């Protein structure tokens, strides 16, 4: 998995997500409150709204048609190709 950049649109904060960490872990390190439960992509609790970015979905919650819309991603397991902008 490759590293990617995430921009939080409401605050303008930009974060780097290294290949060895999840987006959720980076949120935790930076005190950005996002709920979670399973950390394995099966519950949907850590879902975040996507404004732009090409998501690599690795969750088991969303249906293929939902994943194709690129409007939500599970921050515990999903990744992005390039830059990601979130509604946070």
Protein backbone atom coordinates (compact mmCIF):
# COMPACT_ATOMS: atom_id res chain seq x y z
CA UNK A 1 0.00 0.00 0.00
CA UNK A 2 1.27 3.44 -0.80
CA UNK A 3 1.41 6.62 1.25
CA UNK A 4 -1.07 9.41 0.57
CA UNK A 5 -1.95 12.94 1.61
CA UNK A 6 -5.25 13.92 3.21
CA UNK A 7 -6.68 17.43 3.45
CA UNK A 8 -9.40 18.17 6.00
CA UNK A 9 -11.60 20.69 4.20
CA UNK A 10 -13.19 22.35 7.23
CA UNK A 11 -9.90 23.14 8.96
CA UNK A 12 -7.41 23.16 6.09
CA UNK A 13 -5.20 20.69 7.95
CA UNK A 14 -3.04 18.50 5.70
CA UNK A 15 -1.77 15.15 6.94
CA UNK A 16 0.51 12.51 5.49
CA UNK A 17 -0.59 8.90 5.82
CA UNK A 18 2.46 6.62 5.52
CA UNK A 19 2.10 3.20 3.94
CA UNK A 20 2.48 1.42 7.29
CA UNK A 21 -0.35 3.30 9.06
CA UNK A 22 -4.07 3.61 8.55
CA UNK A 23 -5.87 6.90 8.13
CA UNK A 24 -7.57 6.21 11.46
CA UNK A 25 -4.18 5.85 13.19
CA UNK A 26 -3.05 9.19 11.73
CA UNK A 27 -6.28 10.79 12.94
CA UNK A 28 -5.61 9.47 16.44
CA UNK A 29 -2.01 10.72 16.44
CA UNK A 30 -3.26 14.20 15.50
CA UNK A 31 -6.20 14.27 17.94
CA UNK A 32 -8.81 14.31 15.18
CA UNK A 33 -11.96 12.72 16.62
CA UNK A 34 -13.32 9.92 14.45
CA UNK A 35 -15.35 7.11 15.97
CA UNK A 36 -14.31 3.50 15.53
CA UNK A 37 -15.14 0.07 16.83
CA UNK A 38 -13.68 -2.90 14.96
CA UNK A 39 -10.56 -1.49 13.19
CA UNK A 40 -11.02 -4.14 10.51
CA UNK A 41 -13.51 -2.59 8.09
CA UNK A 42 -16.50 -4.63 9.19
CA UNK A 43 -18.60 -2.26 11.34
CA UNK A 44 -18.71 1.06 9.43
CA UNK A 45 -18.23 3.22 12.54
CA UNK A 46 -15.10 4.97 11.23
CA UNK A 47 -16.66 6.08 7.95
CA UNK A 48 -15.68 9.57 6.78
CA UNK A 49 -17.22 11.65 3.99
CA UNK A 50 -15.07 12.07 0.90
CA UNK A 51 -15.05 15.27 -1.14
CA UNK A 52 -12.45 14.14 -3.66
CA UNK A 53 -9.90 11.41 -4.16
CA UNK A 54 -9.62 7.97 -5.72
CA UNK A 55 -10.44 5.57 -2.89
CA UNK A 56 -9.08 2.05 -2.58
CA UNK A 57 -11.85 0.35 -0.61
CA UNK A 58 -10.82 -2.56 1.62
CA UNK A 59 -13.88 -2.62 3.87
CA UNK A 60 -16.56 -5.27 4.09
CA UNK A 61 -19.35 -2.83 4.95
CA UNK A 62 -20.13 -0.98 1.75
CA UNK A 63 -21.74 -2.51 -1.31
CA UNK A 64 -19.80 -2.26 -4.61
CA UNK A 65 -22.18 0.42 -5.92
CA UNK A 66 -21.57 2.49 -2.74
CA UNK A 67 -17.82 2.13 -3.11
CA UNK A 68 -18.04 3.25 -6.75
CA UNK A 69 -19.63 6.54 -5.66
CA UNK A 70 -16.46 7.52 -3.71
CA UNK A 71 -18.51 9.48 -1.17
CA UNK A 72 -17.57 7.53 1.96
CA UNK A 73 -14.55 5.56 3.12
CA UNK A 74 -13.70 3.50 6.17
CA UNK A 75 -10.69 5.20 7.74
CA UNK A 76 -9.47 2.05 9.47
CA UNK A 77 -8.71 0.07 6.30
CA UNK A 78 -9.30 2.06 3.10
CA UNK A 79 -6.59 4.01 1.28
CA UNK A 80 -6.39 6.67 -1.41
CA UNK A 81 -4.35 7.06 -4.58
CA UNK A 82 -2.77 10.52 -4.44
CA UNK A 83 -4.49 13.32 -2.54
CA UNK A 84 -7.65 12.85 -0.54
CA UNK A 85 -9.99 15.67 0.57
CA UNK A 86 -12.39 14.85 3.39
CA UNK A 87 -15.42 16.66 4.78
CA UNK A 88 -13.80 17.10 8.19
